[in-house]
Every structure is written in structure tokens, then in C-alpha cells.
C-alpha atoms as a PDB file:
ATOM      1  CA  UNK A   1     -24.896  20.059 -25.190  1.00  0.00           C
ATOM      2  CA  UNK A   2     -25.496  16.324 -25.612  1.00  0.00           C
ATOM      3  CA  UNK A   3     -27.970  14.554 -23.342  1.00  0.00           C
ATOM      4  CA  UNK A   4     -28.217  10.808 -22.737  1.00  0.00           C
ATOM      5  CA  UNK A   5     -31.275   9.129 -24.232  1.00  0.00           C
ATOM      6  CA  UNK A   6     -31.579   6.628 -21.374  1.00  0.00           C
ATOM      7  CA  UNK A   7     -30.470   6.516 -17.742  1.00  0.00           C
ATOM      8  CA  UNK A   8     -27.460   4.272 -17.163  1.00  0.00           C
ATOM      9  CA  UNK A   9     -28.099   2.110 -14.120  1.00  0.00           C
ATOM     10  CA  UNK A  10     -25.754   2.138 -11.135  1.00  0.00           C
ATOM     11  CA  UNK A  11     -24.864  -1.488 -11.788  1.00  0.00           C
ATOM     12  CA  UNK A  12     -23.887  -0.839 -15.414  1.00  0.00           C
ATOM     13  CA  UNK A  13     -21.926   2.280 -14.450  1.00  0.00           C
ATOM     14  CA  UNK A  14     -20.064   0.458 -11.683  1.00  0.00           C
ATOM     15  CA  UNK A  15     -19.246  -2.507 -13.931  1.00  0.00           C
ATOM     16  CA  UNK A  16     -17.585  -0.127 -16.360  1.00  0.00           C
ATOM     17  CA  UNK A  17     -15.413   1.318 -13.592  1.00  0.00           C
ATOM     18  CA  UNK A  18     -14.075  -1.987 -12.216  1.00  0.00           C
ATOM     19  CA  UNK A  19     -11.554  -2.837 -14.927  1.00  0.00           C
ATOM     20  CA  UNK A  20      -8.431  -1.856 -13.019  1.00  0.00           C
ATOM     21  CA  UNK A  21      -5.910  -3.935 -11.193  1.00  0.00           C
ATOM     22  CA  UNK A  22      -4.679  -2.928  -7.748  1.00  0.00           C
ATOM     23  CA  UNK A  23      -0.895  -3.214  -7.522  1.00  0.00           C
ATOM     24  CA  UNK A  24       0.798  -5.165  -4.756  1.00  0.00           C
ATOM     25  CA  UNK A  25       3.164  -3.017  -2.631  1.00  0.00           C
ATOM     26  CA  UNK A  26       6.877  -3.624  -3.200  1.00  0.00           C
ATOM     27  CA  UNK A  27       8.568  -5.480  -0.361  1.00  0.00           C
ATOM     28  CA  UNK A  28      12.289  -5.255   0.466  1.00  0.00           C
ATOM     29  CA  UNK A  29      14.576  -6.859   3.044  1.00  0.00           C
ATOM     30  CA  UNK A  30      15.661  -4.805   6.060  1.00  0.00           C
ATOM     31  CA  UNK A  31      19.405  -4.175   5.924  1.00  0.00           C
ATOM     32  CA  UNK A  32      19.652  -4.263   9.730  1.00  0.00           C
ATOM     33  CA  UNK A  33      17.634  -7.341  10.804  1.00  0.00           C
ATOM     34  CA  UNK A  34      16.627  -9.053   7.523  1.00  0.00           C
ATOM     35  CA  UNK A  35      12.852  -8.792   8.036  1.00  0.00           C
ATOM     36  CA  UNK A  36      10.457  -8.054   5.174  1.00  0.00           C
ATOM     37  CA  UNK A  37       9.714  -4.327   4.960  1.00  0.00           C
ATOM     38  CA  UNK A  38       7.510  -2.289   2.657  1.00  0.00           C
ATOM     39  CA  UNK A  39       9.473   0.303   0.642  1.00  0.00           C
ATOM     40  CA  UNK A  40       9.850   3.769   2.210  1.00  0.00           C
ATOM     41  CA  UNK A  41       8.683   2.538   5.618  1.00  0.00           C
ATOM     42  CA  UNK A  42      10.397   2.033   8.980  1.00  0.00           C
ATOM     43  CA  UNK A  43      11.119  -1.613   9.767  1.00  0.00           C
ATOM     44  CA  UNK A  44       8.417  -2.863  12.173  1.00  0.00           C
ATOM     45  CA  UNK A  45      10.838  -5.362  13.770  1.00  0.00           C
ATOM     46  CA  UNK A  46      13.869  -3.225  14.635  1.00  0.00           C
ATOM     47  CA  UNK A  47      12.780   0.385  13.946  1.00  0.00           C
ATOM     48  CA  UNK A  48      15.539   1.181  11.440  1.00  0.00           C
ATOM     49  CA  UNK A  49      15.081   3.121   8.178  1.00  0.00           C
ATOM     50  CA  UNK A  50      17.890   3.449   5.616  1.00  0.00           C
ATOM     51  CA  UNK A  51      20.511   2.253   8.094  1.00  0.00           C
ATOM     52  CA  UNK A  52      19.596   4.680  10.872  1.00  0.00           C
ATOM     53  CA  UNK A  53      17.497   4.202  14.012  1.00  0.00           C
ATOM     54  CA  UNK A  54      14.165   5.931  13.354  1.00  0.00           C
ATOM     55  CA  UNK A  55      11.915   4.511  16.065  1.00  0.00           C
ATOM     56  CA  UNK A  56      13.192   3.177  19.363  1.00  0.00           C
ATOM     57  CA  UNK A  57      11.517  -0.128  20.136  1.00  0.00           C
ATOM     58  CA  UNK A  58      10.554  -1.208  23.663  1.00  0.00           C
ATOM     59  CA  UNK A  59      12.005  -4.420  25.003  1.00  0.00           C
ATOM     60  CA  UNK A  60       9.183  -6.743  26.075  1.00  0.00           C
ATOM     61  CA  UNK A  61       9.891  -8.346  29.448  1.00  0.00           C
END
């Protein structure tokens, strides 16, 4: 089995692993209230998901 001749430092190892790009989550418009909503999530404003009430929101008084 092959063995490394020299130890690779943590800094050099970590530099090699940083060449990726994090993707921005896709944002859609809520069909019920028009707010911005992340895909496959319940709308934080009205509580609807795919046209149906998923979470009942409290009315602040």
C-alpha cells in the first residue's frame, strides 16, 4: 500500500476541500397570499402548502 512521504498540513488539506459553491435555495411565490416561500415548505405568512391549509396561524390581538 502507498504511504505519503510527507504529512499534509491541516491548512493545505482544508484549502483543497473549499472549492465548492453552496447553492441558494429556490424561492417561489405563495399561491394564497403572494409572499415569498422556499420550495417544499409551508408558507410562514398564511400557513398554506400547495393550496391547502397546513398550519393554522394565530391571530395576534
